[in-house]
Amino acid sequence: MHALVQPEYGSPDVMRLEEVETPTIGDDDVLVRVHAASVCKGDVHLLTGKPYLVRLGFGLRRPKHRIAGQNVAGTVEAVGRNVTAMKPGDEVYGQVTCGGFAEYVRARESELAPKSTRLTFEQAAAMPDSGMTALQALRDAGRLRAGQRVLINGASGGVGSFAVPIAKSMGAEVTAVCSTRHVDKVRSIGADEVVDYTKEDFTRQTGRFDVMLDLVGNRSPSACKQVLKPTGTYVSSAGSPGGQWIGPIVWIMKVLLAGAFASQKMKPFLTQPRREDLIALNDLVEANALLPVIEQEYSLRDAAEAMRHVAEGHAQGKTVIVVRR
């Protein structure tokens, strides 16, 4: 099979399209014929090996997994003897450990869920990581409820483009923060109010919000705390800024310190992949409450350029690699 191979850490230039062996599966595994895969910030961190802390789990000198890619959608090709929920021919999507930038990928049954018939493979591949991050951050960490006001900083990005419609589906009033070129798109996916950060400082909206979801980290936690009501909750994605060595750990400490003597809750957040949340996202799609936003599509041969585009940090919605039409 063809796969995008990464023999070393570095820029997208180190990636090569090569012929490799098709994965073999064990008793608890599923072999998926990949139709599409999306690129997330995690893929960029594993490409560059930065922050260096990630190398403790993924290879000190070179990547432990030569084929990157976590978010996939495709057709089940084969299943192990212990797999009961899927069969060959089923259309599925999910978040795998690695290997998604290839024509076939090995996955655990628990990493996959049925693909909604309302979605193309490209749309389904866009959902897993970013969709689950938005859902869990708002529902579990933020405890967002109907009638509350939520501020989403980074509303036009991969996670933000899911967070806006998910918050609306929960009955919240949504204020979205983005740059000028994204304003119309963010409004189109459900934002009640849009703050263009190139023209207005969103932290001046003192005491307005029950929940703030920060997907950027471009303002200090203390400044962000000011936009919350006295009993409000600030949720920060673990993808927030950090140095080249320990990454977001310094940022996480700042978030915790900002909440140490405050009435507001200040919560760093890390996504936990769950099959039930993949199904919950499908339910939102079926209810016509959610549709992935795809900015650009690339072929597998041009997948390195897809990585470069996401690494630049200004993508609108999701970037998808089309492996097979």
C-alpha atoms as a PDB file:
ATOM      1  CA  MET A   1       0.000   0.000   0.000  1.00  0.00           C
ATOM      2  CA  HIS A   2       0.991   3.656  -0.317  1.00  0.00           C
ATOM      3  CA  ALA A   3       1.647   5.630   2.862  1.00  0.00           C
ATOM      4  CA  LEU A   4       3.083   8.971   3.886  1.00  0.00           C
ATOM      5  CA  VAL A   5       6.225   7.964   5.777  1.00  0.00           C
ATOM      6  CA  GLN A   6       8.087  10.142   8.278  1.00  0.00           C
ATOM      7  CA  PRO A   7      11.592   8.714   8.896  1.00  0.00           C
ATOM      8  CA  GLU A   8      12.727  11.571  11.164  1.00  0.00           C
ATOM      9  CA  TYR A   9      11.535  14.651  13.015  1.00  0.00           C
ATOM     10  CA  GLY A  10      11.509  17.913  11.103  1.00  0.00           C
ATOM     11  CA  SER A  11       9.483  19.989   8.671  1.00  0.00           C
ATOM     12  CA  PRO A  12       6.936  18.548   6.216  1.00  0.00           C
ATOM     13  CA  ASP A  13       9.850  18.187   3.792  1.00  0.00           C
ATOM     14  CA  VAL A  14      10.989  15.015   5.603  1.00  0.00           C
ATOM     15  CA  MET A  15       7.776  13.192   4.663  1.00  0.00           C
ATOM     16  CA  ARG A  16       7.807  10.774   1.716  1.00  0.00           C
ATOM     17  CA  LEU A  17       5.128   8.827  -0.124  1.00  0.00           C
ATOM     18  CA  GLU A  18       6.338   5.218  -0.136  1.00  0.00           C
ATOM     19  CA  GLU A  19       5.142   1.677  -0.798  1.00  0.00           C
ATOM     20  CA  VAL A  20       4.926  -0.194   2.513  1.00  0.00           C
ATOM     21  CA  GLU A  21       3.360  -3.402   3.773  1.00  0.00           C
ATOM     22  CA  THR A  22      -0.341  -3.423   4.561  1.00  0.00           C
ATOM     23  CA  PRO A  23      -0.871  -3.734   8.342  1.00  0.00           C
ATOM     24  CA  THR A  24      -1.733  -7.114   9.800  1.00  0.00           C
ATOM     25  CA  ILE A  25      -4.446  -7.236  12.431  1.00  0.00           C
ATOM     26  CA  GLY A  26      -4.863  -9.095  15.711  1.00  0.00           C
ATOM     27  CA  ASP A  27      -7.941 -10.617  17.279  1.00  0.00           C
ATOM     28  CA  ASP A  28      -9.187  -7.265  18.648  1.00  0.00           C
ATOM     29  CA  ASP A  29      -8.316  -5.162  15.604  1.00  0.00           C
ATOM     30  CA  VAL A  30     -10.067  -3.766  12.555  1.00  0.00           C
ATOM     31  CA  LEU A  31      -8.380  -3.180   9.185  1.00  0.00           C
ATOM     32  CA  VAL A  32      -9.807  -0.038   7.590  1.00  0.00           C
ATOM     33  CA  ARG A  33      -9.442   0.888   3.949  1.00  0.00           C
ATOM     34  CA  VAL A  34      -8.884   4.634   4.332  1.00  0.00           C
ATOM     35  CA  HIS A  35     -10.867   6.990   2.123  1.00  0.00           C
ATOM     36  CA  ALA A  36      -9.909  10.232   3.887  1.00  0.00           C
ATOM     37  CA  ALA A  37      -7.855  11.498   6.820  1.00  0.00           C
ATOM     38  CA  SER A  38      -7.703  14.915   8.438  1.00  0.00           C
ATOM     39  CA  VAL A  39      -4.730  16.791   9.870  1.00  0.00           C
ATOM     40  CA  CYS A  40      -4.734  18.035  13.463  1.00  0.00           C
ATOM     41  CA  LYS A  41      -2.257  20.032  15.542  1.00  0.00           C
ATOM     42  CA  GLY A  42      -1.200  16.812  17.241  1.00  0.00           C
ATOM     43  CA  ASP A  43       0.067  15.533  13.889  1.00  0.00           C
ATOM     44  CA  VAL A  44       2.211  18.655  13.566  1.00  0.00           C
ATOM     45  CA  HIS A  45       3.719  18.142  17.039  1.00  0.00           C
ATOM     46  CA  LEU A  46       4.587  14.546  16.174  1.00  0.00           C
ATOM     47  CA  LEU A  47       6.092  15.687  12.875  1.00  0.00           C
ATOM     48  CA  THR A  48       8.384  18.293  14.409  1.00  0.00           C
ATOM     49  CA  GLY A  49       9.030  16.433  17.669  1.00  0.00           C
ATOM     50  CA  LYS A  50       8.275  19.687  19.499  1.00  0.00           C
ATOM     51  CA  PRO A  51       7.762  20.338  22.276  1.00  0.00           C
ATOM     52  CA  TYR A  52      10.560  17.888  23.003  1.00  0.00           C
ATOM     53  CA  LEU A  53       8.492  16.435  25.823  1.00  0.00           C
ATOM     54  CA  VAL A  54       6.407  14.507  23.250  1.00  0.00           C
ATOM     55  CA  ARG A  55       9.479  12.475  22.311  1.00  0.00           C
ATOM     56  CA  LEU A  56       9.369  10.668  25.650  1.00  0.00           C
ATOM     57  CA  GLY A  57       6.332   8.782  24.411  1.00  0.00           C
ATOM     58  CA  PHE A  58       6.865   8.816  20.652  1.00  0.00           C
ATOM     59  CA  GLY A  59      10.605   8.282  20.161  1.00  0.00           C
ATOM     60  CA  LEU A  60      13.603  10.228  21.452  1.00  0.00           C
ATOM     61  CA  ARG A  61      15.754  10.419  18.304  1.00  0.00           C
ATOM     62  CA  ARG A  62      13.258   9.508  15.593  1.00  0.00           C
ATOM     63  CA  PRO A  63       9.527   8.787  15.459  1.00  0.00           C
ATOM     64  CA  LYS A  64       8.467   5.452  16.932  1.00  0.00           C
ATOM     65  CA  HIS A  65       5.607   5.356  14.422  1.00  0.00           C
ATOM     66  CA  ARG A  66       6.784   6.009  10.853  1.00  0.00           C
ATOM     67  CA  ILE A  67       3.292   6.717   9.534  1.00  0.00           C
ATOM     68  CA  ALA A  68       1.390   9.608  11.136  1.00  0.00           C
ATOM     69  CA  GLY A  69      -2.308  10.400  11.002  1.00  0.00           C
ATOM     70  CA  GLN A  70      -4.947   9.954  13.693  1.00  0.00           C
ATOM     71  CA  ASN A  71      -8.296  11.000  12.195  1.00  0.00           C
ATOM     72  CA  VAL A  72      -9.672   8.683   9.526  1.00  0.00           C
ATOM     73  CA  ALA A  73     -12.802   7.586   7.706  1.00  0.00           C
ATOM     74  CA  GLY A  74     -13.125   4.566   5.470  1.00  0.00           C
ATOM     75  CA  THR A  75     -14.505   1.089   4.885  1.00  0.00           C
ATOM     76  CA  VAL A  76     -13.870  -1.950   7.052  1.00  0.00           C
ATOM     77  CA  GLU A  77     -11.710  -4.396   5.095  1.00  0.00           C
ATOM     78  CA  ALA A  78     -11.290  -7.126   7.707  1.00  0.00           C
ATOM     79  CA  VAL A  79     -11.917  -7.738  11.412  1.00  0.00           C
ATOM     80  CA  GLY A  80     -10.276  -9.823  14.128  1.00  0.00           C
ATOM     81  CA  ARG A  81     -12.049 -12.794  15.696  1.00  0.00           C
ATOM     82  CA  ASN A  82     -13.048 -10.851  18.842  1.00  0.00           C
ATOM     83  CA  VAL A  83     -14.593  -7.899  16.970  1.00  0.00           C
ATOM     84  CA  THR A  84     -18.385  -8.008  17.198  1.00  0.00           C
ATOM     85  CA  ALA A  85     -19.669  -4.501  16.383  1.00  0.00           C
ATOM     86  CA  MET A  86     -18.247  -4.245  12.860  1.00  0.00           C
ATOM     87  CA  LYS A  87     -17.978  -6.314   9.711  1.00  0.00           C
ATOM     88  CA  PRO A  88     -16.280  -5.950   6.319  1.00  0.00           C
ATOM     89  CA  GLY A  89     -17.994  -3.338   4.188  1.00  0.00           C
ATOM     90  CA  ASP A  90     -19.107  -1.110   7.097  1.00  0.00           C
ATOM     91  CA  GLU A  91     -18.380   2.602   6.712  1.00  0.00           C
ATOM     92  CA  VAL A  92     -16.621   3.895   9.816  1.00  0.00           C
ATOM     93  CA  TYR A  93     -14.702   6.850  11.211  1.00  0.00           C
ATOM     94  CA  GLY A  94     -12.614   7.501  14.277  1.00  0.00           C
ATOM     95  CA  GLN A  95      -9.365   8.480  15.952  1.00  0.00           C
ATOM     96  CA  VAL A  96      -6.566   5.910  15.752  1.00  0.00           C
ATOM     97  CA  THR A  97      -3.186   5.887  17.480  1.00  0.00           C
ATOM     98  CA  CYS A  98      -1.206   6.347  14.266  1.00  0.00           C
ATOM     99  CA  GLY A  99      -0.948   5.260  10.643  1.00  0.00           C
ATOM    100  CA  GLY A 100      -3.900   7.158   9.179  1.00  0.00           C
ATOM    101  CA  PHE A 101      -1.990   8.781   6.314  1.00  0.00           C
ATOM    102  CA  ALA A 102      -2.056   5.575   4.296  1.00  0.00           C
ATOM    103  CA  GLU A 103      -4.322   3.444   2.153  1.00  0.00           C
ATOM    104  CA  TYR A 104      -4.990   1.044   5.052  1.00  0.00           C
ATOM    105  CA  VAL A 105      -4.819   1.473   8.817  1.00  0.00           C
ATOM    106  CA  ARG A 106      -5.081  -0.898  11.757  1.00  0.00           C
ATOM    107  CA  ALA A 107      -7.455   0.265  14.506  1.00  0.00           C
ATOM    108  CA  ARG A 108      -9.011  -0.981  17.691  1.00  0.00           C
ATOM    109  CA  GLU A 109     -12.757  -1.570  17.598  1.00  0.00           C
ATOM    110  CA  SER A 110     -13.118   0.954  20.430  1.00  0.00           C
ATOM    111  CA  GLU A 111     -11.477   3.659  18.296  1.00  0.00           C
ATOM    112  CA  LEU A 112     -14.135   3.529  15.580  1.00  0.00           C
ATOM    113  CA  ALA A 113     -17.832   4.274  15.173  1.00  0.00           C
ATOM    114  CA  PRO A 114     -20.264   3.992  12.252  1.00  0.00           C
ATOM    115  CA  LYS A 115     -20.093   6.879   9.794  1.00  0.00           C
ATOM    116  CA  SER A 116     -23.277   8.892   9.392  1.00  0.00           C
ATOM    117  CA  THR A 117     -24.834   8.464   5.961  1.00  0.00           C
ATOM    118  CA  ARG A 118     -25.325  12.244   5.914  1.00  0.00           C
ATOM    119  CA  LEU A 119     -21.551  12.741   5.669  1.00  0.00           C
ATOM    120  CA  THR A 120     -18.995  12.143   2.963  1.00  0.00           C
ATOM    121  CA  PHE A 121     -15.835  10.299   3.975  1.00  0.00           C
ATOM    122  CA  GLU A 122     -14.006  13.624   3.868  1.00  0.00           C
ATOM    123  CA  GLN A 123     -16.475  15.239   6.283  1.00  0.00           C
ATOM    124  CA  ALA A 124     -16.398  12.243   8.610  1.00  0.00           C
ATOM    125  CA  ALA A 125     -12.582  12.239   8.696  1.00  0.00           C
ATOM    126  CA  ALA A 126     -12.697  15.875   9.797  1.00  0.00           C
ATOM    127  CA  MET A 127     -14.669  15.097  12.948  1.00  0.00           C
ATOM    128  CA  PRO A 128     -12.939  12.796  15.469  1.00  0.00           C
ATOM    129  CA  ASP A 129     -10.235  14.743  17.325  1.00  0.00           C
ATOM    130  CA  SER A 130     -11.611  18.258  16.880  1.00  0.00           C
ATOM    131  CA  GLY A 131     -15.234  17.239  17.360  1.00  0.00           C
ATOM    132  CA  MET A 132     -14.537  15.296  20.548  1.00  0.00           C
ATOM    133  CA  THR A 133     -12.373  18.130  21.903  1.00  0.00           C
ATOM    134  CA  ALA A 134     -15.155  20.676  21.378  1.00  0.00           C
ATOM    135  CA  LEU A 135     -17.847  18.376  22.783  1.00  0.00           C
ATOM    136  CA  GLN A 136     -15.950  17.342  25.904  1.00  0.00           C
ATOM    137  CA  ALA A 137     -14.611  20.840  26.612  1.00  0.00           C
ATOM    138  CA  LEU A 138     -18.070  22.407  26.545  1.00  0.00           C
ATOM    139  CA  ARG A 139     -20.139  19.572  28.014  1.00  0.00           C
ATOM    140  CA  ASP A 140     -17.782  18.018  30.558  1.00  0.00           C
ATOM    141  CA  ALA A 141     -15.245  20.691  31.513  1.00  0.00           C
ATOM    142  CA  GLY A 142     -17.387  23.784  30.958  1.00  0.00           C
ATOM    143  CA  ARG A 143     -20.679  22.245  32.121  1.00  0.00           C
ATOM    144  CA  LEU A 144     -22.392  24.460  29.565  1.00  0.00           C
ATOM    145  CA  ARG A 145     -26.179  24.594  29.897  1.00  0.00           C
ATOM    146  CA  ALA A 146     -29.085  25.978  27.894  1.00  0.00           C
ATOM    147  CA  GLY A 147     -29.529  29.711  28.302  1.00  0.00           C
ATOM    148  CA  GLN A 148     -25.916  30.368  29.280  1.00  0.00           C
ATOM    149  CA  ARG A 149     -23.489  32.626  27.455  1.00  0.00           C
ATOM    150  CA  VAL A 150     -20.265  31.144  26.070  1.00  0.00           C
ATOM    151  CA  LEU A 151     -17.235  32.887  24.536  1.00  0.00           C
ATOM    152  CA  ILE A 152     -15.180  30.796  22.084  1.00  0.00           C
ATOM    153  CA  ASN A 153     -11.707  32.152  21.357  1.00  0.00           C
ATOM    154  CA  GLY A 154     -10.406  30.615  18.129  1.00  0.00           C
ATOM    155  CA  ALA A 155     -13.859  29.944  16.730  1.00  0.00           C
ATOM    156  CA  SER A 156     -12.775  29.581  13.103  1.00  0.00           C
ATOM    157  CA  GLY A 157     -10.160  26.852  13.621  1.00  0.00           C
ATOM    158  CA  GLY A 158     -10.433  23.094  13.600  1.00  0.00           C
ATOM    159  CA  VAL A 159     -11.887  22.757  17.099  1.00  0.00           C
ATOM    160  CA  GLY A 160     -13.653  26.111  17.107  1.00  0.00           C
ATOM    161  CA  SER A 161     -15.650  25.311  13.983  1.00  0.00           C
ATOM    162  CA  PHE A 162     -17.150  22.385  15.928  1.00  0.00           C
ATOM    163  CA  ALA A 163     -17.475  24.248  19.219  1.00  0.00           C
ATOM    164  CA  VAL A 164     -19.755  26.951  17.788  1.00  0.00           C
ATOM    165  CA  PRO A 165     -22.517  24.643  16.465  1.00  0.00           C
ATOM    166  CA  ILE A 166     -22.166  22.246  19.417  1.00  0.00           C
ATOM    167  CA  ALA A 167     -22.669  25.122  21.868  1.00  0.00           C
ATOM    168  CA  LYS A 168     -25.716  26.252  19.864  1.00  0.00           C
ATOM    169  CA  SER A 169     -27.122  22.718  19.947  1.00  0.00           C
ATOM    170  CA  MET A 170     -26.823  22.876  23.745  1.00  0.00           C
ATOM    171  CA  GLY A 171     -28.998  25.989  23.811  1.00  0.00           C
ATOM    172  CA  ALA A 172     -26.239  28.486  24.621  1.00  0.00           C
ATOM    173  CA  GLU A 173     -25.784  32.028  23.349  1.00  0.00           C
ATOM    174  CA  VAL A 174     -22.480  32.001  21.461  1.00  0.00           C
ATOM    175  CA  THR A 175     -19.962  34.812  21.062  1.00  0.00           C
ATOM    176  CA  ALA A 176     -17.140  33.833  18.720  1.00  0.00           C
ATOM    177  CA  VAL A 177     -13.669  35.393  18.461  1.00  0.00           C
ATOM    178  CA  CYS A 178     -11.820  35.242  15.134  1.00  0.00           C
ATOM    179  CA  SER A 179     -10.020  37.405  12.573  1.00  0.00           C
ATOM    180  CA  THR A 180     -11.664  39.532   9.890  1.00  0.00           C
ATOM    181  CA  ARG A 181     -11.476  36.965   7.072  1.00  0.00           C
ATOM    182  CA  HIS A 182     -13.309  34.353   9.146  1.00  0.00           C
ATOM    183  CA  VAL A 183     -16.194  36.491  10.427  1.00  0.00           C
ATOM    184  CA  ASP A 184     -18.754  35.484   7.780  1.00  0.00           C
ATOM    185  CA  LYS A 185     -17.962  31.778   8.070  1.00  0.00           C
ATOM    186  CA  VAL A 186     -18.256  31.835  11.864  1.00  0.00           C
ATOM    187  CA  ARG A 187     -21.618  33.574  11.633  1.00  0.00           C
ATOM    188  CA  SER A 188     -22.789  30.994   9.099  1.00  0.00           C
ATOM    189  CA  ILE A 189     -22.163  28.104  11.516  1.00  0.00           C
ATOM    190  CA  GLY A 190     -24.261  29.625  14.266  1.00  0.00           C
ATOM    191  CA  ALA A 191     -22.448  32.352  16.223  1.00  0.00           C
ATOM    192  CA  ASP A 192     -24.869  34.903  17.700  1.00  0.00           C
ATOM    193  CA  GLU A 193     -22.133  37.519  17.998  1.00  0.00           C
ATOM    194  CA  VAL A 194     -18.653  37.728  16.469  1.00  0.00           C
ATOM    195  CA  VAL A 195     -15.694  39.653  17.859  1.00  0.00           C
ATOM    196  CA  ASP A 196     -13.000  40.481  15.296  1.00  0.00           C
ATOM    197  CA  TYR A 197      -9.841  40.391  17.412  1.00  0.00           C
ATOM    198  CA  THR A 198      -7.988  42.591  14.898  1.00  0.00           C
ATOM    199  CA  LYS A 199     -10.407  45.417  15.758  1.00  0.00           C
ATOM    200  CA  GLU A 200     -11.559  44.714  19.312  1.00  0.00           C
ATOM    201  CA  ASP A 201     -10.092  43.277  22.512  1.00  0.00           C
ATOM    202  CA  PHE A 202     -12.474  40.561  23.644  1.00  0.00           C
ATOM    203  CA  THR A 203     -11.184  40.717  27.237  1.00  0.00           C
ATOM    204  CA  ARG A 204     -12.898  44.096  27.645  1.00  0.00           C
ATOM    205  CA  GLN A 205     -16.269  42.339  27.721  1.00  0.00           C
ATOM    206  CA  THR A 206     -16.111  42.162  31.509  1.00  0.00           C
ATOM    207  CA  GLY A 207     -18.321  39.770  33.440  1.00  0.00           C
ATOM    208  CA  ARG A 208     -20.538  38.691  30.551  1.00  0.00           C
ATOM    209  CA  PHE A 209     -19.958  34.971  30.143  1.00  0.00           C
ATOM    210  CA  ASP A 210     -20.786  31.794  32.013  1.00  0.00           C
ATOM    211  CA  VAL A 211     -18.163  29.805  30.071  1.00  0.00           C
ATOM    212  CA  MET A 212     -15.103  30.705  28.017  1.00  0.00           C
ATOM    213  CA  LEU A 213     -13.464  28.113  25.772  1.00  0.00           C
ATOM    214  CA  ASP A 214      -9.943  29.245  24.896  1.00  0.00           C
ATOM    215  CA  LEU A 215      -8.453  27.432  21.902  1.00  0.00           C
ATOM    216  CA  VAL A 216      -5.681  29.960  21.221  1.00  0.00           C
ATOM    217  CA  GLY A 217      -4.007  31.151  24.409  1.00  0.00           C
ATOM    218  CA  ASN A 218      -3.179  34.561  22.969  1.00  0.00           C
ATOM    219  CA  ARG A 219      -4.254  36.390  26.134  1.00  0.00           C
ATOM    220  CA  SER A 220      -3.236  35.581  29.680  1.00  0.00           C
ATOM    221  CA  PRO A 221      -5.545  33.440  31.827  1.00  0.00           C
ATOM    222  CA  SER A 222      -5.876  36.357  34.246  1.00  0.00           C
ATOM    223  CA  ALA A 223      -7.085  38.637  31.454  1.00  0.00           C
ATOM    224  CA  CYS A 224      -9.509  35.979  30.190  1.00  0.00           C
ATOM    225  CA  LYS A 225     -10.875  35.523  33.698  1.00  0.00           C
ATOM    226  CA  GLN A 226     -12.225  39.064  33.554  1.00  0.00           C
ATOM    227  CA  VAL A 227     -14.801  38.181  30.874  1.00  0.00           C
ATOM    228  CA  LEU A 228     -16.434  35.603  33.153  1.00  0.00           C
ATOM    229  CA  LYS A 229     -19.258  36.016  35.579  1.00  0.00           C
ATOM    230  CA  PRO A 230     -18.223  35.491  39.233  1.00  0.00           C
ATOM    231  CA  THR A 231     -19.223  31.816  39.031  1.00  0.00           C
ATOM    232  CA  GLY A 232     -18.052  31.328  35.420  1.00  0.00           C
ATOM    233  CA  THR A 233     -15.714  28.668  34.042  1.00  0.00           C
ATOM    234  CA  TYR A 234     -12.641  29.117  31.844  1.00  0.00           C
ATOM    235  CA  VAL A 235     -11.619  26.048  29.823  1.00  0.00           C
ATOM    236  CA  SER A 236      -8.268  26.017  28.043  1.00  0.00           C
ATOM    237  CA  SER A 237      -7.328  23.440  25.416  1.00  0.00           C
ATOM    238  CA  ALA A 238      -4.049  21.613  26.068  1.00  0.00           C
ATOM    239  CA  GLY A 239      -2.875  22.881  22.678  1.00  0.00           C
ATOM    240  CA  SER A 240      -2.218  26.291  24.188  1.00  0.00           C
ATOM    241  CA  PRO A 241       1.176  27.948  23.735  1.00  0.00           C
ATOM    242  CA  GLY A 242       4.400  26.784  25.372  1.00  0.00           C
ATOM    243  CA  GLY A 243       8.118  26.526  24.884  1.00  0.00           C
ATOM    244  CA  GLN A 244      10.010  24.050  22.735  1.00  0.00           C
ATOM    245  CA  TRP A 245      10.906  21.820  25.679  1.00  0.00           C
ATOM    246  CA  ILE A 246       7.871  21.270  27.901  1.00  0.00           C
ATOM    247  CA  GLY A 247       5.189  22.821  25.720  1.00  0.00           C
ATOM    248  CA  PRO A 248       1.886  23.621  27.424  1.00  0.00           C
ATOM    249  CA  ILE A 249       2.967  22.705  30.966  1.00  0.00           C
ATOM    250  CA  VAL A 250       3.917  26.304  31.793  1.00  0.00           C
ATOM    251  CA  TRP A 251       0.597  27.483  30.350  1.00  0.00           C
ATOM    252  CA  ILE A 252      -1.318  24.902  32.371  1.00  0.00           C
ATOM    253  CA  MET A 253       0.376  26.153  35.540  1.00  0.00           C
ATOM    254  CA  LYS A 254      -0.628  29.722  34.684  1.00  0.00           C
ATOM    255  CA  VAL A 255      -4.243  28.616  34.259  1.00  0.00           C
ATOM    256  CA  LEU A 256      -4.234  26.813  37.602  1.00  0.00           C
ATOM    257  CA  LEU A 257      -2.582  29.734  39.385  1.00  0.00           C
ATOM    258  CA  ALA A 258      -5.099  32.196  37.919  1.00  0.00           C
ATOM    259  CA  GLY A 259      -7.882  30.156  39.491  1.00  0.00           C
ATOM    260  CA  ALA A 260      -6.204  29.541  42.859  1.00  0.00           C
ATOM    261  CA  PHE A 261      -7.798  32.521  44.597  1.00  0.00           C
ATOM    262  CA  ALA A 262     -10.695  33.254  42.267  1.00  0.00           C
ATOM    263  CA  SER A 263     -14.392  32.497  42.419  1.00  0.00           C
ATOM    264  CA  GLN A 264     -14.270  31.405  38.782  1.00  0.00           C
ATOM    265  CA  LYS A 265     -13.170  27.908  37.806  1.00  0.00           C
ATOM    266  CA  MET A 266     -10.005  27.808  35.660  1.00  0.00           C
ATOM    267  CA  LYS A 267      -9.587  24.447  33.914  1.00  0.00           C
ATOM    268  CA  PRO A 268      -6.830  23.157  31.604  1.00  0.00           C
ATOM    269  CA  PHE A 269      -8.338  20.528  29.330  1.00  0.00           C
ATOM    270  CA  LEU A 270      -7.137  17.431  27.495  1.00  0.00           C
ATOM    271  CA  THR A 271      -9.361  15.353  25.219  1.00  0.00           C
ATOM    272  CA  GLN A 272     -10.077  11.715  26.054  1.00  0.00           C
ATOM    273  CA  PRO A 273     -10.976   9.745  22.887  1.00  0.00           C
ATOM    274  CA  ARG A 274     -14.222   7.847  23.475  1.00  0.00           C
ATOM    275  CA  ARG A 275     -16.308   5.775  21.093  1.00  0.00           C
ATOM    276  CA  GLU A 276     -19.499   7.007  22.753  1.00  0.00           C
ATOM    277  CA  ASP A 277     -18.567  10.584  21.891  1.00  0.00           C
ATOM    278  CA  LEU A 278     -17.980   9.646  18.251  1.00  0.00           C
ATOM    279  CA  ILE A 279     -21.539   8.324  18.335  1.00  0.00           C
ATOM    280  CA  ALA A 280     -22.730  11.523  20.063  1.00  0.00           C
ATOM    281  CA  LEU A 281     -21.206  13.600  17.254  1.00  0.00           C
ATOM    282  CA  ASN A 282     -23.021  11.408  14.736  1.00  0.00           C
ATOM    283  CA  ASP A 283     -26.267  12.072  16.595  1.00  0.00           C
ATOM    284  CA  LEU A 284     -25.713  15.820  16.191  1.00  0.00           C
ATOM    285  CA  VAL A 285     -25.070  15.321  12.478  1.00  0.00           C
ATOM    286  CA  GLU A 286     -28.259  13.270  12.145  1.00  0.00           C
ATOM    287  CA  ALA A 287     -30.176  16.019  13.963  1.00  0.00           C
ATOM    288  CA  ASN A 288     -28.870  18.539  11.406  1.00  0.00           C
ATOM    289  CA  ALA A 289     -27.106  20.409  14.218  1.00  0.00           C
ATOM    290  CA  LEU A 290     -23.532  19.813  13.059  1.00  0.00           C
ATOM    291  CA  LEU A 291     -21.657  19.765   9.768  1.00  0.00           C
ATOM    292  CA  PRO A 292     -17.850  19.765   9.566  1.00  0.00           C
ATOM    293  CA  VAL A 293     -16.214  22.795   7.967  1.00  0.00           C
ATOM    294  CA  ILE A 294     -13.506  21.792   5.470  1.00  0.00           C
ATOM    295  CA  GLU A 295     -11.246  24.526   4.175  1.00  0.00           C
ATOM    296  CA  GLN A 296      -8.929  22.561   1.890  1.00  0.00           C
ATOM    297  CA  GLU A 297      -8.490  19.052   0.544  1.00  0.00           C
ATOM    298  CA  TYR A 298      -5.192  17.505  -0.566  1.00  0.00           C
ATOM    299  CA  SER A 299      -4.288  14.222  -2.221  1.00  0.00           C
ATOM    300  CA  LEU A 300      -2.160  11.700  -0.331  1.00  0.00           C
ATOM    301  CA  ARG A 301       0.712  12.610  -2.650  1.00  0.00           C
ATOM    302  CA  ASP A 302       0.420  16.243  -1.506  1.00  0.00           C
ATOM    303  CA  ALA A 303      -0.184  15.439   2.151  1.00  0.00           C
ATOM    304  CA  ALA A 304       3.047  17.132   3.241  1.00  0.00           C
ATOM    305  CA  GLU A 305       1.567  20.409   2.003  1.00  0.00           C
ATOM    306  CA  ALA A 306      -1.528  19.730   4.097  1.00  0.00           C
ATOM    307  CA  MET A 307       0.717  19.420   7.143  1.00  0.00           C
ATOM    308  CA  ARG A 308       2.461  22.661   6.221  1.00  0.00           C
ATOM    309  CA  HIS A 309      -0.884  24.448   5.908  1.00  0.00           C
ATOM    310  CA  VAL A 310      -2.019  23.367   9.379  1.00  0.00           C
ATOM    311  CA  ALA A 311       1.390  24.119  10.901  1.00  0.00           C
ATOM    312  CA  GLU A 312       1.081  27.743   9.755  1.00  0.00           C
ATOM    313  CA  GLY A 313      -1.793  28.129  12.214  1.00  0.00           C
ATOM    314  CA  HIS A 314      -4.359  30.060  10.182  1.00  0.00           C
ATOM    315  CA  ALA A 315      -6.556  27.292   8.809  1.00  0.00           C
ATOM    316  CA  GLN A 316     -10.313  27.842   8.672  1.00  0.00           C
ATOM    317  CA  GLY A 317     -12.034  24.667   9.799  1.00  0.00           C
ATOM    318  CA  LYS A 318     -10.376  21.376   8.899  1.00  0.00           C
ATOM    319  CA  THR A 319      -7.751  20.296   6.382  1.00  0.00           C
ATOM    320  CA  VAL A 320      -8.413  16.901   4.808  1.00  0.00           C
ATOM    321  CA  ILE A 321      -6.272  14.408   2.908  1.00  0.00           C
ATOM    322  CA  VAL A 322      -8.250  12.490   0.294  1.00  0.00           C
ATOM    323  CA  VAL A 323      -6.766   9.007   0.062  1.00  0.00           C
ATOM    324  CA  ARG A 324      -9.402   7.368  -2.141  1.00  0.00           C
ATOM    325  CA  ARG A 325     -12.470   8.767  -3.867  1.00  0.00           C
END
